[in-house]
Amino acid sequence: MMWPIASLLLAGVARAAILNAMLRGMPSLPKLPVPEGSVTSPNGTALPSITTVYYFDQLIDHTDPGLGTFQQWYWMDWEFYEPGGPIILMTPGETDANGYEGYLANETINGLIAQQQSDATILIEHRFFGYSNPYDNLTSQSLVLLTIEQAVNDLVYFATTADLPMPGGDAVKPGQAPWILIGGSYSGALTSWTMVNKLGIFWAGYASSAIVEAITDHYGYFTPIREYMLQNCSSDVEAVIAYLDGMYAANDTAGIQTLKEAFGLGDVIHVDDFASALQYNLFVWQSLQPDVGPGAMFFKFCDALKVKDGVNTGPEGWGLENAIDSWGNFWNTTYYNYVYGDEDAETCLGTYDMTQSYWTDVTINNAGSSWFWMVCNQVGYYQVGPPEGQPAVVSCILQPIYEECQCVNMFPQTFAYPPLPTTALTDIMYAGWDVYMLRLFFANGLRDPWLEATVSADRLFKLNTTVMPIYEGDGFHCSDLITENGIVDH
C-alpha cells in the first residue's frame, strides 16, 4: 500500500524541528554509498538496477493470517548468481531501508560472499520502518504488531513463500537452495534470534555486532567508549560529570544552573535533560570506523578538551575548570549549531512537554517512534549512567526511569505508568548470551559501544568454536560488514 506523498513530506517537516532522541546511539547499521553503474549477470545479461524496489505480500499478523497482507519493500541483486547458489537475506533493521542498497553489492561482506559462492543478495525492510507498514500510522494500536516474534516470522515467511524476480526465482526456497541470514547490530541480533527460534529455515547466519542480550540498564554502552577514547579526553569528561553528580547529590541548583549556562544550555529546565545532553558528544563514537579521519565530530570534541594553547595535556587532563570552559565552548561555538541550528535549547532537549510533535506524531517512516516501541516493550537498552562508585563519563542522574517516563510520553494510550521492558522474557525466548547454534558466525569489534550486549561481552568468556565461531577484532560498530574497512585496517 502506498501512502499519499504530500502527507509524508509534511510529516518530515513536523519532525525536523526536534532531534529524535531515540536515534542517538540507536543500534543501527552503518550506511555506505549506493554503487552506481549498470549491473550484468555472469552470462552478460543486463540486470535491473539494485535500487529497483520490489514488493512482497507480507502477513499483517502471523497469528491471524485472516487479517490480510501489507506490502513489504525489498531490493535484490543477482549479478553473481548461478543456479544452485545460496540466497543471502538481510534486513537493515530499525530504519528506512531505502539507501542501504549498498549491502547488496561487494562493497560489503554480503556481496563478497555472493561473489565467492555465486549467491543472490536480498535486502528487506523491517515491518513498521520506512514504508513497509501494515497500517498507515504508528499509533499504539497499530504498533501492537511490532514485536520480535512478528519480525522473525516475517523473515521466515518471506524465505518460504516469496517468488523472487530473478530467473528461476520461484524455485529457490529453503530446501531447494541454502539461505544465509546476515545482519548487524539489532538486525544481527534478529539473525541470531531467528535461527534460534525457527530451526532449519536458514542454513547459516552471519551476525555482526549482534546485540543478542536484551538489557534494561545498559550503562555498559559507554564502557568501550571510556576505555578506548584518549585518556586525556576521558579524564576531563569524568571530572565534569563527577562535578555535576556532586552538585546534584548536594541539591546545589544554583551551581547546576551555572554549569548549564557554561554550555549555553541555561534554558534547559530539568537537570536530567541537561545530563542527557552531555551524552551526545559520546554517542557520535558509534559512527567511527577504521577509515574515518581526524575531522570526525568525536575527534573535534576531544581536541577541544585536550588541546590548550596548542599543547596536548597528559593523561590526567587539564582539570575541572579548563574542562568546563573548553567543553562548554565547544557546545557554544560548534556542536549546538551543528545539531540544532536556531532552535532553542528547551525545545530541542526537553523531554517533559508532551504536546511536542515528537511525542504526538504518528505518521509512518518515523524510525524513532517505532524503535522506541520496541525499546519500551521488549529490549530496553537504556543508555544510562553506571552504578555509583564506578568511573563515569555519563551522569548517574540518568537511570532507566528517565527513559521509561518517555515511554509514557510517546505511548500514553498503552502506558499509564513508566513500564519495565520484558528483557528477561526476551532473553529466555531467544537465548540472548546463551545462544549456541550450528553455523551461526559472530563478528564483534572491541571498540564497539554495543559490545556488552554481544556474545563478546566482558566476563562472558564465550568460546569460539567450529560449531559457532566468534571472531573479535579492533573494529567499531559493524566494521566487518564494510569492505573498505578491511582494506584500510589491513
Protein backbone atom coordinates (compact mmCIF):
# COMPACT_ATOMS: atom_id res chain seq x y z
CA MET A 1 0.00 0.00 0.00
CA MET A 2 1.33 3.48 -0.93
CA TRP A 3 0.54 6.45 1.32
CA PRO A 4 -0.06 9.98 -0.12
CA ILE A 5 3.30 11.64 -0.81
CA ALA A 6 2.16 15.04 0.44
CA SER A 7 1.37 13.71 3.92
CA LEU A 8 4.77 12.01 4.13
CA LEU A 9 6.58 15.23 3.25
CA LEU A 10 4.61 17.19 5.83
CA ALA A 11 5.44 14.58 8.45
CA GLY A 12 9.14 15.05 7.74
CA VAL A 13 8.82 18.80 8.24
CA ALA A 14 6.98 18.29 11.54
CA ARG A 15 9.76 16.10 12.87
CA ALA A 16 12.62 18.27 11.61
CA ALA A 17 12.31 20.81 14.44
CA ILE A 18 13.34 18.41 17.21
CA LEU A 19 16.17 15.94 17.44
CA ASN A 20 14.83 12.40 17.55
CA ALA A 21 16.07 11.38 20.98
CA MET A 22 15.90 7.62 20.42
CA LEU A 23 18.06 7.90 17.29
CA ARG A 24 21.00 8.87 19.49
CA GLY A 25 23.06 5.74 19.95
CA MET A 26 20.44 3.58 18.23
CA PRO A 27 21.94 0.20 17.24
CA SER A 28 21.96 0.91 13.51
CA LEU A 29 23.90 -0.41 10.56
CA PRO A 30 26.49 1.96 9.08
CA LYS A 31 25.34 3.40 5.78
CA LEU A 32 27.51 3.36 2.67
CA PRO A 33 27.13 4.90 -0.79
CA VAL A 34 24.96 3.00 -3.24
CA PRO A 35 27.12 1.76 -6.15
CA GLU A 36 26.42 3.41 -9.47
CA GLY A 37 26.55 1.94 -12.95
CA SER A 38 24.96 -0.94 -14.79
CA VAL A 39 24.74 -4.49 -13.44
CA THR A 40 25.10 -7.65 -15.52
CA SER A 41 24.68 -11.34 -14.80
CA PRO A 42 27.52 -13.90 -15.19
CA ASN A 43 26.35 -14.54 -18.79
CA GLY A 44 26.39 -10.83 -19.64
CA THR A 45 22.64 -10.16 -19.40
CA ALA A 46 21.76 -6.63 -18.30
CA LEU A 47 20.05 -6.69 -14.90
CA PRO A 48 17.75 -4.21 -13.15
CA SER A 49 19.40 -1.52 -11.06
CA ILE A 50 19.97 -2.56 -7.46
CA THR A 51 17.84 0.44 -6.44
CA THR A 52 14.78 -1.21 -8.02
CA VAL A 53 12.09 -1.72 -5.37
CA TYR A 54 10.12 -4.97 -5.24
CA TYR A 55 7.08 -5.67 -3.10
CA PHE A 56 6.19 -8.76 -1.10
CA ASP A 57 2.73 -9.51 0.30
CA GLN A 58 3.65 -9.98 3.96
CA LEU A 59 1.15 -11.16 6.57
CA ILE A 60 -0.09 -8.36 8.82
CA ASP A 61 -0.29 -10.73 11.78
CA HIS A 62 1.30 -14.17 11.69
CA THR A 63 -1.01 -15.33 14.47
CA ASP A 64 -4.08 -14.29 12.49
CA PRO A 65 -3.49 -14.65 8.72
CA GLY A 66 -7.09 -13.66 8.10
CA LEU A 67 -6.19 -10.02 8.73
CA GLY A 68 -4.60 -9.96 5.27
CA THR A 69 -1.28 -8.66 3.99
CA PHE A 70 0.74 -5.48 3.55
CA GLN A 71 3.44 -4.61 1.01
CA GLN A 72 6.90 -5.16 2.42
CA TRP A 73 9.61 -3.44 0.39
CA TYR A 74 12.71 -5.33 -0.72
CA TRP A 75 15.66 -4.97 -3.08
CA MET A 76 17.64 -7.65 -4.87
CA ASP A 77 20.82 -8.26 -6.88
CA TRP A 78 21.70 -11.44 -8.74
CA GLU A 79 24.76 -10.30 -10.70
CA PHE A 80 26.87 -13.12 -9.20
CA TYR A 81 24.14 -15.75 -9.01
CA GLU A 82 24.43 -19.10 -10.72
CA PRO A 83 21.85 -21.88 -10.41
CA GLY A 84 22.35 -23.82 -7.19
CA GLY A 85 23.91 -20.88 -5.39
CA PRO A 86 22.70 -19.72 -1.98
CA ILE A 87 20.34 -16.82 -1.27
CA ILE A 88 21.56 -14.15 1.15
CA LEU A 89 18.86 -12.28 3.08
CA MET A 90 19.41 -9.18 5.21
CA THR A 91 17.25 -6.56 6.85
CA PRO A 92 18.92 -3.29 7.89
CA GLY A 93 16.68 -3.40 10.95
CA GLU A 94 15.24 -0.35 12.64
CA THR A 95 15.48 2.13 9.77
CA ASP A 96 14.12 3.10 6.38
CA ALA A 97 15.85 0.53 4.14
CA ASN A 98 15.96 2.88 1.16
CA GLY A 99 19.59 3.95 0.81
CA TYR A 100 21.02 0.69 2.18
CA GLU A 101 21.15 -1.00 -1.23
CA GLY A 102 24.95 -0.99 -0.98
CA TYR A 103 24.57 -4.11 1.17
CA LEU A 104 23.60 -5.99 -1.99
CA ALA A 105 26.97 -5.33 -3.64
CA ASN A 106 30.53 -6.49 -2.99
CA GLU A 107 31.35 -3.30 -1.11
CA THR A 108 30.02 -5.35 1.84
CA ILE A 109 30.51 -8.82 3.29
CA ASN A 110 27.14 -9.80 1.78
CA GLY A 111 28.34 -9.11 -1.76
CA LEU A 112 31.77 -10.63 -1.16
CA ILE A 113 30.15 -13.89 -0.04
CA ALA A 114 27.81 -13.71 -3.03
CA GLN A 115 30.74 -13.18 -5.40
CA GLN A 116 32.62 -16.12 -3.91
CA GLN A 117 29.69 -18.53 -3.64
CA SER A 118 27.59 -17.46 -6.67
CA ASP A 119 24.81 -16.14 -4.44
CA ALA A 120 21.95 -13.72 -4.91
CA THR A 121 21.54 -10.97 -2.32
CA ILE A 122 18.32 -9.53 -0.88
CA LEU A 123 17.71 -6.52 1.35
CA ILE A 124 14.27 -6.46 3.01
CA GLU A 125 12.74 -3.65 5.03
CA HIS A 126 11.67 -4.34 8.62
CA ARG A 127 7.97 -4.03 9.42
CA PHE A 128 6.93 -0.60 10.72
CA PHE A 129 10.08 1.06 9.39
CA GLY A 130 10.34 3.04 6.19
CA TYR A 131 7.27 2.36 4.07
CA SER A 132 6.72 -1.30 4.99
CA ASN A 133 3.77 -0.68 7.26
CA PRO A 134 0.71 -2.84 7.91
CA TYR A 135 -1.26 0.34 8.65
CA ASP A 136 -0.96 3.99 7.65
CA ASN A 137 0.01 5.21 11.13
CA LEU A 138 2.26 4.46 14.10
CA THR A 139 -0.34 4.60 16.84
CA SER A 140 -0.10 2.23 19.78
CA GLN A 141 -3.00 0.26 18.34
CA SER A 142 -1.01 -0.39 15.15
CA LEU A 143 2.35 -0.93 16.84
CA VAL A 144 0.96 -3.86 18.85
CA LEU A 145 2.05 -5.83 15.78
CA LEU A 146 5.66 -4.61 16.05
CA THR A 147 7.31 -7.40 18.03
CA ILE A 148 10.41 -9.56 17.73
CA GLU A 149 8.16 -12.55 17.12
CA GLN A 150 6.42 -10.87 14.15
CA ALA A 151 9.77 -9.71 12.73
CA VAL A 152 11.22 -13.24 12.97
CA ASN A 153 8.16 -14.66 11.28
CA ASP A 154 8.40 -12.03 8.53
CA LEU A 155 11.84 -13.31 7.56
CA VAL A 156 10.71 -16.92 7.61
CA TYR A 157 7.51 -16.27 5.65
CA PHE A 158 9.44 -14.33 3.01
CA ALA A 159 12.06 -17.06 2.63
CA THR A 160 9.50 -19.86 2.41
CA THR A 161 6.90 -18.23 0.12
CA ALA A 162 8.45 -15.42 -1.97
CA ASP A 163 8.84 -15.93 -5.71
CA LEU A 164 11.94 -13.86 -6.41
CA PRO A 165 12.19 -11.62 -9.50
CA MET A 166 15.27 -13.32 -10.96
CA PRO A 167 15.07 -16.18 -13.49
CA GLY A 168 14.19 -19.35 -11.60
CA GLY A 169 13.30 -17.26 -8.55
CA ASP A 170 10.23 -19.40 -7.84
CA ALA A 171 12.37 -22.48 -7.15
CA VAL A 172 14.98 -21.32 -4.63
CA LYS A 173 13.11 -21.62 -1.35
CA PRO A 174 14.73 -23.28 1.69
CA GLY A 175 15.01 -26.97 0.85
CA GLN A 176 15.65 -26.05 -2.78
CA ALA A 177 18.59 -23.72 -2.07
CA PRO A 178 20.55 -22.81 1.05
CA TRP A 179 19.58 -19.47 2.60
CA ILE A 180 22.04 -17.36 4.60
CA LEU A 181 20.72 -14.76 7.02
CA ILE A 182 23.02 -11.77 7.59
CA GLY A 183 22.56 -8.85 9.96
CA GLY A 184 24.38 -6.26 12.00
CA SER A 185 23.56 -4.57 15.30
CA TYR A 186 19.83 -5.07 16.02
CA SER A 187 19.43 -6.93 12.72
CA GLY A 188 22.41 -9.06 13.77
CA ALA A 189 20.52 -9.94 16.93
CA LEU A 190 17.50 -10.70 14.77
CA THR A 191 19.69 -13.11 12.79
CA SER A 192 20.55 -14.98 15.99
CA TRP A 193 17.01 -14.83 17.35
CA THR A 194 15.56 -16.16 14.07
CA MET A 195 17.96 -19.08 13.85
CA VAL A 196 17.28 -19.97 17.50
CA ASN A 197 13.52 -19.66 17.16
CA LYS A 198 12.99 -21.13 13.68
CA LEU A 199 15.25 -24.10 13.25
CA GLY A 200 16.09 -25.42 9.80
CA ILE A 201 14.97 -22.46 7.69
CA PHE A 202 18.32 -20.71 7.29
CA TRP A 203 21.34 -22.88 6.56
CA ALA A 204 23.78 -20.38 8.08
CA GLY A 205 23.88 -16.97 9.73
CA TYR A 206 26.36 -14.09 9.96
CA ALA A 207 25.78 -11.74 12.90
CA SER A 208 27.92 -8.59 13.16
CA SER A 209 27.91 -6.57 16.41
CA ALA A 210 24.76 -8.50 17.24
CA ILE A 211 23.08 -7.18 20.41
CA VAL A 212 21.68 -10.59 21.33
CA GLU A 213 21.16 -9.86 25.05
CA ALA A 214 18.24 -7.56 25.85
CA ILE A 215 19.32 -5.33 28.75
CA THR A 216 17.25 -2.77 30.63
CA ASP A 217 20.03 -0.89 32.45
CA HIS A 218 22.59 -0.70 29.66
CA TYR A 219 25.24 1.54 31.19
CA GLY A 220 27.78 -0.80 29.58
CA TYR A 221 27.21 1.02 26.29
CA PHE A 222 29.68 3.67 27.43
CA THR A 223 32.35 1.26 28.76
CA PRO A 224 34.21 0.70 25.45
CA ILE A 225 33.98 4.43 24.71
CA ARG A 226 35.60 5.35 28.04
CA GLU A 227 38.23 2.64 27.66
CA TYR A 228 39.25 3.43 24.06
CA MET A 229 38.91 7.22 23.85
CA LEU A 230 42.12 9.07 24.65
CA GLN A 231 42.61 9.22 28.40
CA ASN A 232 43.41 12.93 28.35
CA CYS A 233 39.91 13.40 26.95
CA SER A 234 38.09 10.91 29.19
CA SER A 235 39.77 12.33 32.33
CA ASP A 236 38.28 15.77 31.73
CA VAL A 237 34.87 14.35 30.82
CA GLU A 238 34.88 12.33 34.05
CA ALA A 239 35.81 15.46 36.01
CA VAL A 240 32.83 17.42 34.67
CA ILE A 241 30.43 14.52 35.18
CA ALA A 242 31.62 13.98 38.77
CA TYR A 243 31.18 17.70 39.41
CA LEU A 244 27.60 17.61 38.09
CA ASP A 245 26.73 14.49 40.08
CA GLY A 246 28.19 16.01 43.24
CA MET A 247 26.09 19.15 42.87
CA TYR A 248 23.00 17.05 42.18
CA ALA A 249 23.60 14.98 45.34
CA ALA A 250 24.00 18.21 47.34
CA ASN A 251 20.90 19.77 45.73
CA ASP A 252 23.06 22.69 44.54
CA THR A 253 20.60 24.06 42.00
CA ALA A 254 22.49 27.35 41.64
CA GLY A 255 25.72 25.53 40.79
CA ILE A 256 23.92 23.30 38.27
CA GLN A 257 22.39 26.37 36.63
CA THR A 258 25.83 27.96 36.31
CA LEU A 259 27.16 24.78 34.70
CA LYS A 260 24.24 24.66 32.25
CA GLU A 261 24.91 28.25 31.25
CA ALA A 262 28.57 27.46 30.57
CA PHE A 263 27.30 25.09 27.86
CA GLY A 264 24.77 27.58 26.51
CA LEU A 265 22.02 25.36 27.89
CA GLY A 266 20.71 27.60 30.66
CA ASP A 267 17.20 27.37 29.23
CA VAL A 268 17.03 23.59 29.72
CA ILE A 269 14.63 23.30 32.64
CA HIS A 270 15.25 19.81 34.02
CA VAL A 271 18.63 18.59 35.19
CA ASP A 272 18.16 15.10 33.74
CA ASP A 273 17.62 16.61 30.29
CA PHE A 274 20.87 18.55 30.74
CA ALA A 275 22.69 15.40 31.85
CA SER A 276 21.29 13.62 28.80
CA ALA A 277 22.60 16.38 26.53
CA LEU A 278 26.12 15.76 27.81
CA GLN A 279 25.87 12.21 26.42
CA TYR A 280 25.51 13.48 22.88
CA ASN A 281 29.22 14.00 22.28
CA LEU A 282 29.81 10.39 23.30
CA PHE A 283 27.09 8.94 21.08
CA VAL A 284 28.96 10.05 17.95
CA TRP A 285 31.66 7.47 18.82
CA GLN A 286 29.29 4.90 17.31
CA SER A 287 29.75 6.49 13.86
CA LEU A 288 33.53 5.93 13.91
CA GLN A 289 35.05 3.36 11.56
CA PRO A 290 38.64 2.41 10.65
CA ASP A 291 38.51 4.66 7.57
CA VAL A 292 37.29 7.75 9.49
CA GLY A 293 39.80 10.61 9.57
CA PRO A 294 40.69 13.19 12.26
CA GLY A 295 37.92 15.55 11.13
CA ALA A 296 35.20 13.36 12.65
CA MET A 297 32.99 15.12 15.20
CA PHE A 298 34.15 12.93 18.07
CA PHE A 299 37.79 13.84 17.46
CA LYS A 300 36.89 17.54 17.23
CA PHE A 301 35.20 17.19 20.61
CA CYS A 302 38.22 15.56 22.24
CA ASP A 303 40.61 18.03 20.62
CA ALA A 304 38.62 20.84 22.21
CA LEU A 305 39.21 19.31 25.65
CA LYS A 306 42.76 18.05 25.44
CA VAL A 307 44.45 20.85 23.49
CA LYS A 308 45.13 24.24 25.14
CA ASP A 309 47.24 26.93 23.51
CA GLY A 310 48.45 24.35 21.01
CA VAL A 311 49.64 21.95 23.72
CA ASN A 312 48.25 18.45 24.39
CA THR A 313 47.61 17.63 28.03
CA GLY A 314 48.89 14.48 29.68
CA PRO A 315 46.61 11.53 30.54
CA GLU A 316 45.39 13.34 33.68
CA GLY A 317 43.71 16.07 31.59
CA TRP A 318 43.77 19.82 32.21
CA GLY A 319 41.46 19.65 35.19
CA LEU A 320 37.88 20.65 36.01
CA GLU A 321 37.98 24.39 35.38
CA ASN A 322 39.50 24.10 31.91
CA ALA A 323 37.27 21.11 31.11
CA ILE A 324 34.12 23.13 31.82
CA ASP A 325 35.40 26.09 29.79
CA SER A 326 36.59 24.06 26.80
CA TRP A 327 33.66 21.61 26.68
CA GLY A 328 31.18 24.43 27.15
CA ASN A 329 32.88 26.50 24.46
CA PHE A 330 32.69 23.53 22.08
CA TRP A 331 28.94 23.37 22.60
CA ASN A 332 28.57 27.13 22.16
CA THR A 333 30.74 27.53 19.07
CA THR A 334 30.45 24.20 17.24
CA TYR A 335 28.18 21.47 18.48
CA TYR A 336 24.87 23.18 19.25
CA ASN A 337 24.58 24.79 15.83
CA TYR A 338 25.73 21.56 14.16
CA VAL A 339 22.86 19.61 15.72
CA TYR A 340 20.05 22.08 16.43
CA GLY A 341 20.59 25.20 14.35
CA ASP A 342 18.38 28.06 15.51
CA GLU A 343 16.06 26.06 17.78
CA ASP A 344 16.05 26.95 21.48
CA ALA A 345 17.60 24.52 23.94
CA GLU A 346 14.45 23.50 25.83
CA THR A 347 12.60 22.70 22.60
CA CYS A 348 15.48 20.56 21.39
CA LEU A 349 16.50 18.87 24.62
CA GLY A 350 13.47 18.97 26.90
CA THR A 351 11.50 15.75 27.32
CA TYR A 352 8.73 16.87 29.67
CA ASP A 353 6.41 18.73 27.28
CA MET A 354 4.08 16.02 25.99
CA THR A 355 2.50 18.39 23.46
CA GLN A 356 5.64 18.50 21.33
CA SER A 357 5.22 16.95 17.89
CA TYR A 358 7.99 14.46 18.65
CA TRP A 359 5.67 12.71 21.11
CA THR A 360 2.40 13.13 19.20
CA ASP A 361 3.44 12.46 15.59
CA VAL A 362 2.09 9.07 14.47
CA THR A 363 2.87 9.27 10.75
CA ILE A 364 4.83 6.42 9.19
CA ASN A 365 8.57 6.34 8.42
CA ASN A 366 9.41 7.62 11.90
CA ALA A 367 12.19 5.28 12.98
CA GLY A 368 12.50 6.88 16.40
CA SER A 369 8.89 6.13 17.29
CA SER A 370 8.97 2.55 16.00
CA TRP A 371 12.27 1.76 17.71
CA PHE A 372 11.09 3.38 20.92
CA TRP A 373 8.12 0.98 20.92
CA MET A 374 10.47 -2.00 20.80
CA VAL A 375 12.71 -0.46 23.46
CA CYS A 376 9.84 0.21 25.85
CA ASN A 377 8.32 -3.23 25.42
CA GLN A 378 10.92 -5.90 24.76
CA VAL A 379 14.59 -4.89 24.57
CA GLY A 380 15.34 -1.93 26.88
CA TYR A 381 18.93 -0.90 26.06
CA TYR A 382 18.56 2.26 28.14
CA GLN A 383 21.92 4.03 27.85
CA VAL A 384 22.30 5.45 31.33
CA GLY A 385 24.91 6.22 34.00
CA PRO A 386 26.86 3.44 35.76
CA PRO A 387 26.33 2.30 39.34
CA GLU A 388 27.62 4.72 41.94
CA GLY A 389 31.35 4.45 42.57
CA GLN A 390 32.34 3.40 39.04
CA PRO A 391 34.33 5.73 36.73
CA ALA A 392 31.73 7.61 34.75
CA VAL A 393 31.68 9.56 31.50
CA VAL A 394 27.86 9.72 31.85
CA SER A 395 25.97 11.17 34.79
CA CYS A 396 24.43 8.88 37.41
CA ILE A 397 21.42 11.22 37.30
CA LEU A 398 20.41 9.20 34.24
CA GLN A 399 18.74 5.95 35.25
CA PRO A 400 16.27 3.72 33.37
CA ILE A 401 13.32 5.63 34.86
CA TYR A 402 14.34 8.65 32.76
CA GLU A 403 13.79 6.68 29.54
CA GLU A 404 10.79 4.78 30.90
CA CYS A 405 8.97 8.06 31.57
CA GLN A 406 9.47 8.91 27.91
CA CYS A 407 7.65 5.69 27.02
CA VAL A 408 4.61 7.19 28.74
CA ASN A 409 5.09 10.42 26.77
CA MET A 410 5.28 8.60 23.46
CA PHE A 411 2.60 5.97 24.05
CA PRO A 412 0.14 7.28 26.69
CA GLN A 413 -2.63 5.03 25.35
CA THR A 414 -0.53 1.99 26.29
CA PHE A 415 1.44 3.09 29.34
CA ALA A 416 -0.22 4.87 32.26
CA TYR A 417 2.96 4.40 34.29
CA PRO A 418 6.64 4.02 33.34
CA PRO A 419 6.90 0.45 32.01
CA LEU A 420 9.58 -2.14 32.63
CA PRO A 421 10.56 -3.78 29.33
CA THR A 422 10.29 -7.56 29.36
CA THR A 423 14.01 -8.07 28.76
CA ALA A 424 14.26 -11.22 30.90
CA LEU A 425 11.48 -12.89 28.89
CA THR A 426 13.10 -11.80 25.62
CA ASP A 427 16.38 -13.40 26.67
CA ILE A 428 14.63 -16.62 27.67
CA MET A 429 12.68 -16.84 24.41
CA TYR A 430 15.62 -16.06 22.11
CA ALA A 431 18.60 -17.34 24.17
CA GLY A 432 20.42 -14.00 24.44
CA TRP A 433 24.03 -14.58 25.57
CA ASP A 434 23.27 -18.32 25.89
CA VAL A 435 22.90 -18.83 22.14
CA TYR A 436 24.61 -21.90 20.73
CA MET A 437 23.69 -22.55 17.14
CA LEU A 438 25.30 -24.55 14.34
CA ARG A 439 26.77 -22.41 11.53
CA LEU A 440 25.98 -19.11 13.22
CA PHE A 441 29.03 -16.84 12.87
CA PHE A 442 29.53 -13.84 15.17
CA ALA A 443 31.92 -10.95 14.48
CA ASN A 444 32.49 -8.21 17.08
CA GLY A 445 34.67 -5.13 17.39
CA LEU A 446 36.30 -4.34 20.73
CA ARG A 447 35.73 -0.61 20.16
CA ASP A 448 32.01 -1.12 19.58
CA PRO A 449 29.89 0.69 22.22
CA TRP A 450 27.35 -2.13 21.91
CA LEU A 451 29.96 -4.78 22.78
CA GLU A 452 28.49 -5.51 26.23
CA ALA A 453 25.22 -6.69 24.64
CA THR A 454 27.00 -9.11 22.30
CA VAL A 455 28.42 -12.60 22.82
CA SER A 456 31.83 -10.91 23.32
CA ALA A 457 30.71 -9.05 26.44
CA ASP A 458 33.33 -8.63 29.15
CA ARG A 459 33.46 -11.53 31.63
CA LEU A 460 31.12 -13.64 29.49
CA PHE A 461 34.04 -15.75 28.20
CA LYS A 462 32.01 -17.40 25.46
CA LEU A 463 34.17 -19.81 23.48
CA ASN A 464 34.95 -19.53 19.80
CA THR A 465 34.16 -22.96 18.34
CA THR A 466 33.93 -24.53 14.91
CA VAL A 467 30.21 -25.05 15.56
CA MET A 468 29.55 -21.38 16.32
CA PRO A 469 32.59 -19.21 15.52
CA ILE A 470 33.04 -15.93 17.41
CA TYR A 471 35.65 -13.59 15.99
CA GLU A 472 36.79 -10.37 17.64
CA GLY A 473 38.83 -7.54 16.19
CA ASP A 474 39.81 -3.95 16.95
CA GLY A 475 36.94 -2.55 14.90
CA PHE A 476 33.97 -0.40 15.80
CA HIS A 477 30.24 -0.99 15.30
CA CYS A 478 29.65 -3.43 12.41
CA SER A 479 33.07 -2.58 10.94
CA ASP A 480 33.44 -6.07 9.48
CA LEU A 481 30.42 -5.62 7.19
CA ILE A 482 32.11 -2.93 5.07
CA THR A 483 34.80 -3.99 2.58
CA GLU A 484 36.65 -0.67 2.76
CA ASN A 485 37.19 -1.09 6.49
CA GLY A 486 39.07 -4.32 5.87
CA ILE A 487 41.26 -2.67 3.24
CA VAL A 488 42.11 0.29 5.49
CA ASP A 489 42.72 -1.90 8.54
CA HIS A 490 44.86 -4.48 6.69
